[in-house]
């Protein structure tokens, strides 16, 4: 698994590089920023952020402080943000209906069930595996929520209300300024990294599912590409830390044995 982590570190470096690029002098004719709709940050209630923040139980809060694991997202109006918005807008007009339907289904399926097909198991029916995944899911959700509260990035559909969006969430129900990192991508990659560790023979299919699952959020105009990549980085870092935690060794061993049964 160690060699598989190298691309994640490279992607983390890309995120940091993007942040540095946003500080560099721009060309004489910079791209124009997308206007932020009046009241976009306050018009829709942030239902998640209005609740008290939860505290990490297994992960080290200092090690997983948002500024220590993620570069900041591209600044509003930066060349990176303009390019990302163009990519999201292009998907709104070029995504086939079948792929958009899958994105809508993925938006509603924020549970380990999203990986049933690629693991060959109904994961919810395996007690030890379901227990471990639920524990990791809960911890990773807190890590993502902490980062969202810290960065306060507007979602694509909040920057441009004309964008079509999909999913069970209505604009504002998850917070218009909770784009970075993507919670779905953080969840998806944490699940993928754990499942691939437990079932290494199925790792390629599991990782492909995680990538496709995250891409669905871009199709839904709920996230920018860098939101999804940030979720990728955060999800894998959290999963690696949890898999290495000796307090979870017995739970991990039980899930591994359960998944190894024919």
C-alpha atoms as a PDB file:
ATOM      1  CA  UNK A   1       0.000   0.000   0.000  1.00  0.00           C
ATOM      2  CA  UNK A   2       2.933   2.346   0.600  1.00  0.00           C
ATOM      3  CA  UNK A   3       3.693   2.798  -3.072  1.00  0.00           C
ATOM      4  CA  UNK A   4       0.057   3.666  -3.734  1.00  0.00           C
ATOM      5  CA  UNK A   5       0.348   6.638  -1.393  1.00  0.00           C
ATOM      6  CA  UNK A   6       2.961   8.405  -3.555  1.00  0.00           C
ATOM      7  CA  UNK A   7       0.358   9.850  -5.992  1.00  0.00           C
ATOM      8  CA  UNK A   8      -1.568  11.241  -3.025  1.00  0.00           C
ATOM      9  CA  UNK A   9       1.493  13.074  -1.774  1.00  0.00           C
ATOM     10  CA  UNK A  10       2.095  14.463  -5.252  1.00  0.00           C
ATOM     11  CA  UNK A  11      -1.500  15.673  -5.387  1.00  0.00           C
ATOM     12  CA  UNK A  12      -1.087  17.300  -1.986  1.00  0.00           C
ATOM     13  CA  UNK A  13       1.944  19.124  -3.382  1.00  0.00           C
ATOM     14  CA  UNK A  14      -0.152  20.262  -6.335  1.00  0.00           C
ATOM     15  CA  UNK A  15      -2.709  21.738  -3.952  1.00  0.00           C
ATOM     16  CA  UNK A  16       0.023  23.615  -2.118  1.00  0.00           C
ATOM     17  CA  UNK A  17       1.477  24.775  -5.427  1.00  0.00           C
ATOM     18  CA  UNK A  18      -1.897  26.097  -6.519  1.00  0.00           C
ATOM     19  CA  UNK A  19      -2.085  28.151  -3.351  1.00  0.00           C
ATOM     20  CA  UNK A  20       1.364  29.625  -4.049  1.00  0.00           C
ATOM     21  CA  UNK A  21       0.424  30.369  -7.645  1.00  0.00           C
ATOM     22  CA  UNK A  22      -2.550  32.374  -6.435  1.00  0.00           C
ATOM     23  CA  UNK A  23      -0.075  34.688  -4.691  1.00  0.00           C
ATOM     24  CA  UNK A  24       2.114  35.202  -7.766  1.00  0.00           C
ATOM     25  CA  UNK A  25       1.717  38.215 -10.117  1.00  0.00           C
ATOM     26  CA  UNK A  26      -0.887  37.582 -12.787  1.00  0.00           C
ATOM     27  CA  UNK A  27      -0.654  38.375 -16.477  1.00  0.00           C
ATOM     28  CA  UNK A  28      -1.461  41.953 -17.593  1.00  0.00           C
ATOM     29  CA  UNK A  29      -5.009  40.959 -18.541  1.00  0.00           C
ATOM     30  CA  UNK A  30      -6.273  38.697 -15.726  1.00  0.00           C
ATOM     31  CA  UNK A  31      -9.477  36.724 -16.167  1.00  0.00           C
ATOM     32  CA  UNK A  32     -12.514  38.354 -14.647  1.00  0.00           C
ATOM     33  CA  UNK A  33     -13.917  36.813 -11.519  1.00  0.00           C
ATOM     34  CA  UNK A  34     -17.375  35.339 -11.349  1.00  0.00           C
ATOM     35  CA  UNK A  35     -19.571  37.783  -9.495  1.00  0.00           C
ATOM     36  CA  UNK A  36     -20.751  36.533  -6.141  1.00  0.00           C
ATOM     37  CA  UNK A  37     -24.530  36.843  -6.007  1.00  0.00           C
ATOM     38  CA  UNK A  38     -25.698  39.390  -3.450  1.00  0.00           C
ATOM     39  CA  UNK A  39     -26.289  37.665  -0.145  1.00  0.00           C
ATOM     40  CA  UNK A  40     -24.963  34.340  -1.445  1.00  0.00           C
ATOM     41  CA  UNK A  41     -23.191  33.561   1.811  1.00  0.00           C
ATOM     42  CA  UNK A  42     -26.195  34.351   3.951  1.00  0.00           C
ATOM     43  CA  UNK A  43     -29.308  33.875   1.826  1.00  0.00           C
ATOM     44  CA  UNK A  44     -29.443  30.121   2.424  1.00  0.00           C
ATOM     45  CA  UNK A  45     -29.143  28.799   5.970  1.00  0.00           C
ATOM     46  CA  UNK A  46     -26.085  26.685   6.715  1.00  0.00           C
ATOM     47  CA  UNK A  47     -27.786  23.832   8.508  1.00  0.00           C
ATOM     48  CA  UNK A  48     -24.568  21.909   9.228  1.00  0.00           C
ATOM     49  CA  UNK A  49     -22.480  24.840  10.452  1.00  0.00           C
ATOM     50  CA  UNK A  50     -25.296  25.999  12.735  1.00  0.00           C
ATOM     51  CA  UNK A  51     -24.765  22.865  14.832  1.00  0.00           C
ATOM     52  CA  UNK A  52     -21.963  22.723  17.412  1.00  0.00           C
ATOM     53  CA  UNK A  53     -18.710  21.366  16.017  1.00  0.00           C
ATOM     54  CA  UNK A  54     -17.869  17.801  17.047  1.00  0.00           C
ATOM     55  CA  UNK A  55     -14.444  16.840  18.380  1.00  0.00           C
ATOM     56  CA  UNK A  56     -12.165  14.167  16.932  1.00  0.00           C
ATOM     57  CA  UNK A  57     -11.929  11.052  19.065  1.00  0.00           C
ATOM     58  CA  UNK A  58      -9.306   8.904  17.323  1.00  0.00           C
ATOM     59  CA  UNK A  59      -7.353  11.323  15.126  1.00  0.00           C
ATOM     60  CA  UNK A  60      -4.967  13.886  16.617  1.00  0.00           C
ATOM     61  CA  UNK A  61      -6.771  17.261  16.376  1.00  0.00           C
ATOM     62  CA  UNK A  62      -3.490  19.153  16.053  1.00  0.00           C
ATOM     63  CA  UNK A  63      -2.123  16.886  13.333  1.00  0.00           C
ATOM     64  CA  UNK A  64      -5.429  17.185  11.457  1.00  0.00           C
ATOM     65  CA  UNK A  65      -5.913  20.916  11.883  1.00  0.00           C
ATOM     66  CA  UNK A  66      -7.113  22.152   8.451  1.00  0.00           C
ATOM     67  CA  UNK A  67      -4.062  24.326   7.812  1.00  0.00           C
ATOM     68  CA  UNK A  68      -1.742  21.411   8.550  1.00  0.00           C
ATOM     69  CA  UNK A  69      -3.240  18.934   6.100  1.00  0.00           C
ATOM     70  CA  UNK A  70      -4.628  21.107   3.284  1.00  0.00           C
ATOM     71  CA  UNK A  71      -3.551  24.136   1.330  1.00  0.00           C
ATOM     72  CA  UNK A  72      -6.220  26.846   1.160  1.00  0.00           C
ATOM     73  CA  UNK A  73      -8.563  26.672  -1.835  1.00  0.00           C
ATOM     74  CA  UNK A  74      -8.097  29.001  -4.806  1.00  0.00           C
ATOM     75  CA  UNK A  75      -9.105  32.529  -3.879  1.00  0.00           C
ATOM     76  CA  UNK A  76     -12.334  34.003  -5.290  1.00  0.00           C
ATOM     77  CA  UNK A  77     -11.515  35.662  -8.611  1.00  0.00           C
ATOM     78  CA  UNK A  78      -8.137  33.946  -8.970  1.00  0.00           C
ATOM     79  CA  UNK A  79      -7.088  32.406 -12.250  1.00  0.00           C
ATOM     80  CA  UNK A  80      -7.491  28.956 -10.664  1.00  0.00           C
ATOM     81  CA  UNK A  81     -11.035  29.666  -9.495  1.00  0.00           C
ATOM     82  CA  UNK A  82     -12.037  31.012 -12.911  1.00  0.00           C
ATOM     83  CA  UNK A  83     -10.639  27.894 -14.610  1.00  0.00           C
ATOM     84  CA  UNK A  84     -12.426  25.603 -12.163  1.00  0.00           C
ATOM     85  CA  UNK A  85     -15.744  27.353 -12.689  1.00  0.00           C
ATOM     86  CA  UNK A  86     -15.336  26.973 -16.445  1.00  0.00           C
ATOM     87  CA  UNK A  87     -14.837  23.240 -15.967  1.00  0.00           C
ATOM     88  CA  UNK A  88     -17.962  22.920 -13.816  1.00  0.00           C
ATOM     89  CA  UNK A  89     -20.009  24.929 -16.309  1.00  0.00           C
ATOM     90  CA  UNK A  90     -18.801  22.726 -19.171  1.00  0.00           C
ATOM     91  CA  UNK A  91     -19.972  19.615 -17.333  1.00  0.00           C
ATOM     92  CA  UNK A  92     -23.431  21.133 -16.975  1.00  0.00           C
ATOM     93  CA  UNK A  93     -23.860  21.009 -20.747  1.00  0.00           C
ATOM     94  CA  UNK A  94     -21.788  17.977 -21.768  1.00  0.00           C
ATOM     95  CA  UNK A  95     -22.549  15.304 -19.155  1.00  0.00           C
ATOM     96  CA  UNK A  96     -24.726  12.498 -20.577  1.00  0.00           C
ATOM     97  CA  UNK A  97     -28.053  11.958 -18.865  1.00  0.00           C
ATOM     98  CA  UNK A  98     -27.054   8.507 -17.629  1.00  0.00           C
ATOM     99  CA  UNK A  99     -23.918   9.858 -15.951  1.00  0.00           C
ATOM    100  CA  UNK A 100     -25.884  12.700 -14.387  1.00  0.00           C
ATOM    101  CA  UNK A 101     -28.354  10.159 -13.016  1.00  0.00           C
ATOM    102  CA  UNK A 102     -25.443   8.272 -11.481  1.00  0.00           C
ATOM    103  CA  UNK A 103     -24.164  11.513  -9.932  1.00  0.00           C
ATOM    104  CA  UNK A 104     -27.580  12.110  -8.409  1.00  0.00           C
ATOM    105  CA  UNK A 105     -27.588   8.588  -6.962  1.00  0.00           C
ATOM    106  CA  UNK A 106     -24.056   9.045  -5.605  1.00  0.00           C
ATOM    107  CA  UNK A 107     -25.089  12.280  -3.905  1.00  0.00           C
ATOM    108  CA  UNK A 108     -27.746  10.403  -1.942  1.00  0.00           C
ATOM    109  CA  UNK A 109     -25.550   7.383  -1.198  1.00  0.00           C
ATOM    110  CA  UNK A 110     -23.139   8.640   1.460  1.00  0.00           C
ATOM    111  CA  UNK A 111     -22.590   5.258   3.091  1.00  0.00           C
ATOM    112  CA  UNK A 112     -20.264   2.276   2.630  1.00  0.00           C
ATOM    113  CA  UNK A 113     -23.005   0.728   0.474  1.00  0.00           C
ATOM    114  CA  UNK A 114     -21.512   2.777  -2.367  1.00  0.00           C
ATOM    115  CA  UNK A 115     -18.696   0.192  -2.465  1.00  0.00           C
ATOM    116  CA  UNK A 116     -20.786  -2.984  -2.363  1.00  0.00           C
ATOM    117  CA  UNK A 117     -20.433  -3.692  -6.085  1.00  0.00           C
ATOM    118  CA  UNK A 118     -16.648  -3.342  -6.235  1.00  0.00           C
ATOM    119  CA  UNK A 119     -16.032  -5.318  -3.027  1.00  0.00           C
ATOM    120  CA  UNK A 120     -18.434  -8.111  -3.908  1.00  0.00           C
ATOM    121  CA  UNK A 121     -20.075  -7.837  -0.487  1.00  0.00           C
ATOM    122  CA  UNK A 122     -23.146  -6.341   1.086  1.00  0.00           C
ATOM    123  CA  UNK A 123     -20.969  -4.502   3.588  1.00  0.00           C
ATOM    124  CA  UNK A 124     -23.830  -3.583   5.891  1.00  0.00           C
ATOM    125  CA  UNK A 125     -24.447  -7.284   6.610  1.00  0.00           C
ATOM    126  CA  UNK A 126     -20.885  -7.941   7.836  1.00  0.00           C
ATOM    127  CA  UNK A 127     -20.858  -6.964  11.534  1.00  0.00           C
ATOM    128  CA  UNK A 128     -17.120  -6.473  12.076  1.00  0.00           C
ATOM    129  CA  UNK A 129     -16.625  -4.666   8.776  1.00  0.00           C
ATOM    130  CA  UNK A 130     -19.686  -2.474   9.247  1.00  0.00           C
ATOM    131  CA  UNK A 131     -18.502  -1.547  12.747  1.00  0.00           C
ATOM    132  CA  UNK A 132     -15.029  -0.532  11.544  1.00  0.00           C
ATOM    133  CA  UNK A 133     -16.325   1.435   8.559  1.00  0.00           C
ATOM    134  CA  UNK A 134     -18.891   3.258  10.700  1.00  0.00           C
ATOM    135  CA  UNK A 135     -16.185   4.233  13.164  1.00  0.00           C
ATOM    136  CA  UNK A 136     -13.945   5.550  10.402  1.00  0.00           C
ATOM    137  CA  UNK A 137     -16.826   7.272   8.637  1.00  0.00           C
ATOM    138  CA  UNK A 138     -17.765   9.137  11.804  1.00  0.00           C
ATOM    139  CA  UNK A 139     -14.214  10.305  12.469  1.00  0.00           C
ATOM    140  CA  UNK A 140     -13.608  11.370   8.873  1.00  0.00           C
ATOM    141  CA  UNK A 141     -16.890  13.275   8.813  1.00  0.00           C
ATOM    142  CA  UNK A 142     -15.675  15.358  11.758  1.00  0.00           C
ATOM    143  CA  UNK A 143     -12.339  16.032  10.052  1.00  0.00           C
ATOM    144  CA  UNK A 144     -14.107  17.213   6.892  1.00  0.00           C
ATOM    145  CA  UNK A 145     -16.592  19.332   8.837  1.00  0.00           C
ATOM    146  CA  UNK A 146     -13.741  21.014  10.724  1.00  0.00           C
ATOM    147  CA  UNK A 147     -12.056  21.910   7.445  1.00  0.00           C
ATOM    148  CA  UNK A 148     -15.274  23.174   5.886  1.00  0.00           C
ATOM    149  CA  UNK A 149     -15.883  25.466   8.856  1.00  0.00           C
ATOM    150  CA  UNK A 150     -12.320  26.730   8.553  1.00  0.00           C
ATOM    151  CA  UNK A 151     -12.139  27.477   4.810  1.00  0.00           C
ATOM    152  CA  UNK A 152     -15.709  28.705   4.112  1.00  0.00           C
ATOM    153  CA  UNK A 153     -15.530  28.308   0.339  1.00  0.00           C
ATOM    154  CA  UNK A 154     -18.685  28.966  -1.669  1.00  0.00           C
ATOM    155  CA  UNK A 155     -20.048  26.067  -3.684  1.00  0.00           C
ATOM    156  CA  UNK A 156     -20.222  26.411  -7.492  1.00  0.00           C
ATOM    157  CA  UNK A 157     -24.022  26.685  -7.443  1.00  0.00           C
ATOM    158  CA  UNK A 158     -23.717  29.510  -4.902  1.00  0.00           C
ATOM    159  CA  UNK A 159     -21.219  31.397  -7.063  1.00  0.00           C
ATOM    160  CA  UNK A 160     -23.420  30.915 -10.142  1.00  0.00           C
ATOM    161  CA  UNK A 161     -27.086  30.267  -9.247  1.00  0.00           C
ATOM    162  CA  UNK A 162     -27.813  29.538 -12.919  1.00  0.00           C
ATOM    163  CA  UNK A 163     -25.902  26.256 -12.691  1.00  0.00           C
ATOM    164  CA  UNK A 164     -28.098  23.158 -12.619  1.00  0.00           C
ATOM    165  CA  UNK A 165     -27.387  21.003  -9.579  1.00  0.00           C
ATOM    166  CA  UNK A 166     -28.375  17.503  -8.598  1.00  0.00           C
ATOM    167  CA  UNK A 167     -28.651  15.432  -5.494  1.00  0.00           C
ATOM    168  CA  UNK A 168     -30.881  15.056  -2.475  1.00  0.00           C
ATOM    169  CA  UNK A 169     -29.550  18.276  -0.961  1.00  0.00           C
ATOM    170  CA  UNK A 170     -31.193  21.564  -1.884  1.00  0.00           C
ATOM    171  CA  UNK A 171     -29.027  24.672  -2.200  1.00  0.00           C
ATOM    172  CA  UNK A 172     -28.160  25.782   1.298  1.00  0.00           C
ATOM    173  CA  UNK A 173     -29.206  22.616   3.119  1.00  0.00           C
ATOM    174  CA  UNK A 174     -25.559  21.649   3.481  1.00  0.00           C
ATOM    175  CA  UNK A 175     -24.270  25.193   3.582  1.00  0.00           C
ATOM    176  CA  UNK A 176     -23.486  27.362   0.575  1.00  0.00           C
ATOM    177  CA  UNK A 177     -20.018  28.080   1.972  1.00  0.00           C
ATOM    178  CA  UNK A 178     -19.020  24.485   2.763  1.00  0.00           C
ATOM    179  CA  UNK A 179     -17.456  23.555  -0.560  1.00  0.00           C
ATOM    180  CA  UNK A 180     -13.865  22.850   0.550  1.00  0.00           C
ATOM    181  CA  UNK A 181     -13.098  20.028   1.012  1.00  0.00           C
ATOM    182  CA  UNK A 182     -15.766  17.803  -0.483  1.00  0.00           C
ATOM    183  CA  UNK A 183     -17.317  15.718   2.258  1.00  0.00           C
ATOM    184  CA  UNK A 184     -18.332  13.017  -0.220  1.00  0.00           C
ATOM    185  CA  UNK A 185     -14.799  12.773  -1.607  1.00  0.00           C
ATOM    186  CA  UNK A 186     -13.307  12.699   1.889  1.00  0.00           C
ATOM    187  CA  UNK A 187     -15.694   9.923   2.857  1.00  0.00           C
ATOM    188  CA  UNK A 188     -15.246   8.031  -0.419  1.00  0.00           C
ATOM    189  CA  UNK A 189     -11.461   8.004  -0.335  1.00  0.00           C
ATOM    190  CA  UNK A 190     -11.295   7.086   3.351  1.00  0.00           C
ATOM    191  CA  UNK A 191     -13.572   4.121   2.707  1.00  0.00           C
ATOM    192  CA  UNK A 192     -11.613   3.176  -0.408  1.00  0.00           C
ATOM    193  CA  UNK A 193      -8.248   3.285   1.347  1.00  0.00           C
ATOM    194  CA  UNK A 194      -9.463   1.110   4.230  1.00  0.00           C
ATOM    195  CA  UNK A 195     -11.247  -1.382   1.974  1.00  0.00           C
ATOM    196  CA  UNK A 196      -8.258  -1.628  -0.370  1.00  0.00           C
ATOM    197  CA  UNK A 197      -6.036  -2.346   2.628  1.00  0.00           C
ATOM    198  CA  UNK A 198      -8.423  -5.076   3.765  1.00  0.00           C
ATOM    199  CA  UNK A 199      -8.969  -6.453   0.234  1.00  0.00           C
ATOM    200  CA  UNK A 200      -5.780  -5.649  -1.735  1.00  0.00           C
ATOM    201  CA  UNK A 201      -6.757  -7.856  -4.664  1.00  0.00           C
ATOM    202  CA  UNK A 202      -9.714  -5.539  -5.275  1.00  0.00           C
ATOM    203  CA  UNK A 203      -7.785  -2.284  -4.800  1.00  0.00           C
ATOM    204  CA  UNK A 204      -7.853  -1.108  -8.456  1.00  0.00           C
ATOM    205  CA  UNK A 205     -11.648  -1.384  -8.694  1.00  0.00           C
ATOM    206  CA  UNK A 206     -12.118   0.169  -5.250  1.00  0.00           C
ATOM    207  CA  UNK A 207      -9.920   3.161  -6.084  1.00  0.00           C
ATOM    208  CA  UNK A 208     -11.659   3.619  -9.436  1.00  0.00           C
ATOM    209  CA  UNK A 209     -15.010   3.702  -7.660  1.00  0.00           C
ATOM    210  CA  UNK A 210     -13.742   6.325  -5.187  1.00  0.00           C
ATOM    211  CA  UNK A 211     -12.504   8.543  -8.025  1.00  0.00           C
ATOM    212  CA  UNK A 212     -15.787   8.240  -9.910  1.00  0.00           C
ATOM    213  CA  UNK A 213     -17.782   8.843  -6.735  1.00  0.00           C
ATOM    214  CA  UNK A 214     -15.902  12.080  -6.100  1.00  0.00           C
ATOM    215  CA  UNK A 215     -16.277  13.202  -9.708  1.00  0.00           C
ATOM    216  CA  UNK A 216     -20.036  12.932  -9.295  1.00  0.00           C
ATOM    217  CA  UNK A 217     -19.923  15.923  -6.954  1.00  0.00           C
ATOM    218  CA  UNK A 218     -18.372  18.052  -9.673  1.00  0.00           C
ATOM    219  CA  UNK A 219     -21.051  16.933 -12.128  1.00  0.00           C
ATOM    220  CA  UNK A 220     -23.632  17.950  -9.524  1.00  0.00           C
ATOM    221  CA  UNK A 221     -22.104  21.478  -9.340  1.00  0.00           C
ATOM    222  CA  UNK A 222     -21.782  20.936  -5.598  1.00  0.00           C
ATOM    223  CA  UNK A 223     -17.977  21.121  -5.692  1.00  0.00           C
ATOM    224  CA  UNK A 224     -15.025  22.487  -7.616  1.00  0.00           C
ATOM    225  CA  UNK A 225     -12.260  20.112  -8.785  1.00  0.00           C
ATOM    226  CA  UNK A 226      -9.895  21.252  -6.016  1.00  0.00           C
ATOM    227  CA  UNK A 227     -12.614  20.550  -3.407  1.00  0.00           C
ATOM    228  CA  UNK A 228     -12.689  16.956  -4.586  1.00  0.00           C
ATOM    229  CA  UNK A 229      -8.910  16.663  -4.632  1.00  0.00           C
ATOM    230  CA  UNK A 230      -8.726  18.111  -1.118  1.00  0.00           C
ATOM    231  CA  UNK A 231     -11.225  15.471  -0.010  1.00  0.00           C
ATOM    232  CA  UNK A 232      -9.050  12.839  -1.689  1.00  0.00           C
ATOM    233  CA  UNK A 233      -6.012  13.969   0.293  1.00  0.00           C
ATOM    234  CA  UNK A 234      -7.842  14.360   3.612  1.00  0.00           C
ATOM    235  CA  UNK A 235      -9.664  11.045   3.280  1.00  0.00           C
ATOM    236  CA  UNK A 236      -6.493   9.069   2.595  1.00  0.00           C
ATOM    237  CA  UNK A 237      -4.461  10.801   5.301  1.00  0.00           C
ATOM    238  CA  UNK A 238      -7.191  10.104   7.851  1.00  0.00           C
ATOM    239  CA  UNK A 239      -7.612   6.490   6.754  1.00  0.00           C
ATOM    240  CA  UNK A 240      -3.871   5.827   6.943  1.00  0.00           C
ATOM    241  CA  UNK A 241      -3.687   7.301  10.439  1.00  0.00           C
ATOM    242  CA  UNK A 242      -6.647   5.246  11.637  1.00  0.00           C
ATOM    243  CA  UNK A 243      -5.326   2.021  10.124  1.00  0.00           C
ATOM    244  CA  UNK A 244      -2.059   2.596  11.992  1.00  0.00           C
ATOM    245  CA  UNK A 245      -3.763   3.268  15.332  1.00  0.00           C
ATOM    246  CA  UNK A 246      -3.013   0.345  17.689  1.00  0.00           C
ATOM    247  CA  UNK A 247      -6.278   0.995  19.526  1.00  0.00           C
ATOM    248  CA  UNK A 248      -8.113  -0.139  16.395  1.00  0.00           C
ATOM    249  CA  UNK A 249      -5.925  -3.173  15.651  1.00  0.00           C
ATOM    250  CA  UNK A 250      -8.478  -5.701  16.898  1.00  0.00           C
ATOM    251  CA  UNK A 251     -11.316  -4.086  14.916  1.00  0.00           C
ATOM    252  CA  UNK A 252      -9.188  -4.034  11.771  1.00  0.00           C
ATOM    253  CA  UNK A 253      -8.158  -7.668  12.184  1.00  0.00           C
ATOM    254  CA  UNK A 254     -11.772  -8.740  12.692  1.00  0.00           C
ATOM    255  CA  UNK A 255     -12.903  -6.936   9.544  1.00  0.00           C
ATOM    256  CA  UNK A 256      -9.997  -8.376   7.537  1.00  0.00           C
ATOM    257  CA  UNK A 257     -10.861 -11.912   8.603  1.00  0.00           C
ATOM    258  CA  UNK A 258     -14.534 -11.369   7.870  1.00  0.00           C
ATOM    259  CA  UNK A 259     -13.859 -10.085   4.354  1.00  0.00           C
ATOM    260  CA  UNK A 260     -11.483 -12.984   3.653  1.00  0.00           C
ATOM    261  CA  UNK A 261     -14.253 -15.541   4.088  1.00  0.00           C
ATOM    262  CA  UNK A 262     -15.639 -16.977   0.836  1.00  0.00           C
END
